[in-house]
Amino acid sequence: MDEIEEHTNPKLKDIAYNWVNSSVFLFYLQVFCFIAIVLGGCYNLYEHRYMGKPDVEVPGNTLYTPQYK
């Protein structure tokens, strides 16, 4: 009976008139967006992670105890 009403009255499928179905849809849409943002952030942090201490050549005259020639 409800299926026949939905075909005859298109307002029943509209998001503004059918709050039960639209709220479920919006809830799952929010959950999907939240998970997508969290996974995207984790992936971005993984791609730009700290790779370790670089091997930098420091001139002797700029050390804490400078070494001059």
N, C-alpha and C. Protein backbone atom coordinates (compact mmCIF):
# COMPACT_ATOMS: atom_id res chain seq x y z
N MET A 1 0.82 -1.19 0.00
CA MET A 1 0.00 0.00 0.00
C MET A 1 0.87 1.25 0.00
N ASP A 2 1.95 1.26 0.80
CA ASP A 2 2.83 2.42 0.87
C ASP A 2 3.55 2.65 -0.45
N GLU A 3 3.88 1.57 -1.12
CA GLU A 3 4.57 1.69 -2.40
C GLU A 3 3.69 2.38 -3.45
N ILE A 4 2.41 2.08 -3.41
CA ILE A 4 1.48 2.72 -4.34
C ILE A 4 1.35 4.21 -4.03
N GLU A 5 1.34 4.56 -2.73
CA GLU A 5 1.25 5.97 -2.35
C GLU A 5 2.48 6.74 -2.80
N GLU A 6 3.66 6.13 -2.72
CA GLU A 6 4.88 6.82 -3.13
C GLU A 6 4.88 7.12 -4.62
N HIS A 7 4.33 6.23 -5.42
CA HIS A 7 4.28 6.46 -6.85
C HIS A 7 3.26 7.54 -7.21
N THR A 8 2.18 7.60 -6.48
CA THR A 8 1.15 8.59 -6.80
C THR A 8 1.46 9.94 -6.20
N ASN A 9 2.17 9.98 -5.07
CA ASN A 9 2.49 11.24 -4.41
C ASN A 9 4.00 11.40 -4.36
N PRO A 10 4.60 12.17 -5.27
CA PRO A 10 6.06 12.29 -5.29
C PRO A 10 6.62 13.04 -4.08
N LYS A 11 5.78 13.74 -3.33
CA LYS A 11 6.26 14.44 -2.14
C LYS A 11 6.77 13.47 -1.08
N LEU A 12 6.28 12.23 -1.10
CA LEU A 12 6.71 11.26 -0.10
C LEU A 12 8.18 10.88 -0.28
N LYS A 13 8.72 11.07 -1.47
CA LYS A 13 10.13 10.77 -1.71
C LYS A 13 11.02 12.00 -1.55
N ASP A 14 10.42 13.18 -1.38
CA ASP A 14 11.18 14.42 -1.25
C ASP A 14 11.85 14.48 0.12
N ILE A 15 13.04 15.02 0.16
CA ILE A 15 13.79 15.07 1.41
C ILE A 15 13.15 16.01 2.42
N ALA A 16 12.44 17.01 1.95
CA ALA A 16 11.80 17.96 2.86
C ALA A 16 10.53 17.41 3.48
N TYR A 17 9.90 16.43 2.87
CA TYR A 17 8.63 15.91 3.37
C TYR A 17 8.76 14.57 4.08
N ASN A 18 9.77 13.79 3.73
CA ASN A 18 9.93 12.46 4.33
C ASN A 18 11.16 12.49 5.23
N TRP A 19 10.99 12.92 6.48
CA TRP A 19 12.12 13.11 7.38
C TRP A 19 12.74 11.81 7.86
N VAL A 20 11.99 10.74 7.89
CA VAL A 20 12.55 9.48 8.38
C VAL A 20 13.60 8.96 7.43
N ASN A 21 13.28 8.85 6.16
CA ASN A 21 14.26 8.34 5.19
C ASN A 21 15.39 9.34 4.98
N SER A 22 15.08 10.64 4.98
CA SER A 22 16.12 11.62 4.73
C SER A 22 17.09 11.70 5.91
N SER A 23 16.61 11.53 7.14
CA SER A 23 17.52 11.60 8.28
C SER A 23 18.47 10.41 8.28
N VAL A 24 17.99 9.24 7.89
CA VAL A 24 18.88 8.08 7.79
C VAL A 24 19.93 8.31 6.72
N PHE A 25 19.50 8.83 5.58
CA PHE A 25 20.43 9.12 4.49
C PHE A 25 21.47 10.15 4.92
N LEU A 26 21.04 11.22 5.58
CA LEU A 26 21.98 12.26 6.01
C LEU A 26 22.93 11.74 7.08
N PHE A 27 22.46 10.85 7.96
CA PHE A 27 23.33 10.27 8.97
C PHE A 27 24.44 9.46 8.32
N TYR A 28 24.08 8.58 7.38
CA TYR A 28 25.11 7.78 6.72
C TYR A 28 26.02 8.64 5.85
N LEU A 29 25.51 9.71 5.29
CA LEU A 29 26.34 10.63 4.52
C LEU A 29 27.36 11.31 5.42
N GLN A 30 26.94 11.73 6.63
CA GLN A 30 27.86 12.33 7.58
C GLN A 30 28.93 11.33 8.03
N VAL A 31 28.52 10.10 8.29
CA VAL A 31 29.48 9.07 8.71
C VAL A 31 30.50 8.82 7.61
N PHE A 32 30.04 8.71 6.37
CA PHE A 32 30.94 8.49 5.24
C PHE A 32 31.91 9.66 5.08
N CYS A 33 31.41 10.89 5.16
CA CYS A 33 32.27 12.07 5.02
C CYS A 33 33.29 12.14 6.15
N PHE A 34 32.87 11.83 7.37
CA PHE A 34 33.79 11.86 8.51
C PHE A 34 34.91 10.84 8.33
N ILE A 35 34.54 9.62 7.93
CA ILE A 35 35.55 8.58 7.73
C ILE A 35 36.49 8.96 6.58
N ALA A 36 35.94 9.54 5.51
CA ALA A 36 36.77 9.95 4.38
C ALA A 36 37.76 11.03 4.79
N ILE A 37 37.33 11.99 5.61
CA ILE A 37 38.23 13.06 6.06
C ILE A 37 39.30 12.51 6.99
N VAL A 38 38.93 11.62 7.89
CA VAL A 38 39.91 11.04 8.82
C VAL A 38 40.94 10.21 8.06
N LEU A 39 40.49 9.37 7.13
CA LEU A 39 41.44 8.56 6.37
C LEU A 39 42.31 9.43 5.47
N GLY A 40 41.74 10.48 4.90
CA GLY A 40 42.54 11.40 4.09
C GLY A 40 43.59 12.11 4.91
N GLY A 41 43.23 12.51 6.12
CA GLY A 41 44.21 13.15 7.00
C GLY A 41 45.31 12.20 7.43
N CYS A 42 44.95 10.97 7.72
CA CYS A 42 45.96 9.97 8.09
C CYS A 42 46.91 9.71 6.93
N TYR A 43 46.37 9.61 5.74
CA TYR A 43 47.21 9.38 4.56
C TYR A 43 48.14 10.57 4.32
N ASN A 44 47.63 11.78 4.51
CA ASN A 44 48.45 12.98 4.32
C ASN A 44 49.57 13.02 5.36
N LEU A 45 49.26 12.68 6.60
CA LEU A 45 50.31 12.63 7.62
C LEU A 45 51.33 11.55 7.29
N TYR A 46 50.90 10.43 6.77
CA TYR A 46 51.83 9.37 6.40
C TYR A 46 52.74 9.81 5.25
N GLU A 47 52.20 10.50 4.27
CA GLU A 47 53.00 10.94 3.13
C GLU A 47 54.02 12.00 3.53
N HIS A 48 53.71 12.84 4.50
CA HIS A 48 54.60 13.92 4.92
C HIS A 48 55.24 13.62 6.27
N ARG A 49 55.48 12.36 6.55
CA ARG A 49 56.04 11.98 7.85
C ARG A 49 57.52 12.39 7.94
N TYR A 50 58.01 12.41 9.16
CA TYR A 50 59.40 12.77 9.42
C TYR A 50 60.28 11.59 9.03
N MET A 51 61.22 11.84 8.17
CA MET A 51 62.05 10.76 7.63
C MET A 51 63.32 10.52 8.44
N GLY A 52 63.57 11.28 9.46
CA GLY A 52 64.76 11.07 10.28
C GLY A 52 65.70 12.26 10.21
N LYS A 53 66.74 12.17 10.98
CA LYS A 53 67.70 13.26 11.06
C LYS A 53 68.54 13.31 9.78
N PRO A 54 68.52 14.45 9.07
CA PRO A 54 69.33 14.53 7.86
C PRO A 54 70.82 14.69 8.20
N ASP A 55 71.67 14.23 7.32
CA ASP A 55 73.11 14.33 7.51
C ASP A 55 73.56 15.67 6.93
N VAL A 56 73.73 16.65 7.82
CA VAL A 56 74.05 18.01 7.40
C VAL A 56 75.51 18.31 7.71
N GLU A 57 76.21 18.90 6.76
CA GLU A 57 77.60 19.31 6.95
C GLU A 57 77.61 20.69 7.61
N VAL A 58 78.14 20.76 8.83
CA VAL A 58 78.17 22.02 9.58
C VAL A 58 79.58 22.58 9.51
N PRO A 59 79.72 23.85 9.11
CA PRO A 59 81.06 24.45 9.09
C PRO A 59 81.65 24.52 10.49
N GLY A 60 82.95 24.34 10.60
CA GLY A 60 83.62 24.31 11.89
C GLY A 60 83.58 25.63 12.64
N ASN A 61 83.52 26.76 11.92
CA ASN A 61 83.53 28.05 12.61
C ASN A 61 82.16 28.44 13.16
N THR A 62 81.11 27.62 12.95
CA THR A 62 79.79 27.92 13.49
C THR A 62 79.41 26.99 14.63
N LEU A 63 80.33 26.16 15.09
CA LEU A 63 80.04 25.25 16.20
C LEU A 63 79.99 26.00 17.52
N TYR A 64 79.55 25.30 18.60
CA TYR A 64 79.50 25.92 19.94
C TYR A 64 80.90 26.29 20.40
N THR A 65 81.83 25.41 20.13
CA THR A 65 83.26 25.73 20.35
C THR A 65 83.88 25.80 18.96
N PRO A 66 83.96 27.02 18.39
CA PRO A 66 84.42 27.15 17.00
C PRO A 66 85.85 26.65 16.81
N GLN A 67 86.10 26.15 15.65
CA GLN A 67 87.45 25.67 15.29
C GLN A 67 87.93 26.54 14.13
N TYR A 68 88.92 27.35 14.45
CA TYR A 68 89.48 28.24 13.42
C TYR A 68 90.76 27.65 12.87
N LYS A 69 91.16 28.12 11.71
CA LYS A 69 92.40 27.65 11.10
C LYS A 69 93.58 28.32 11.71
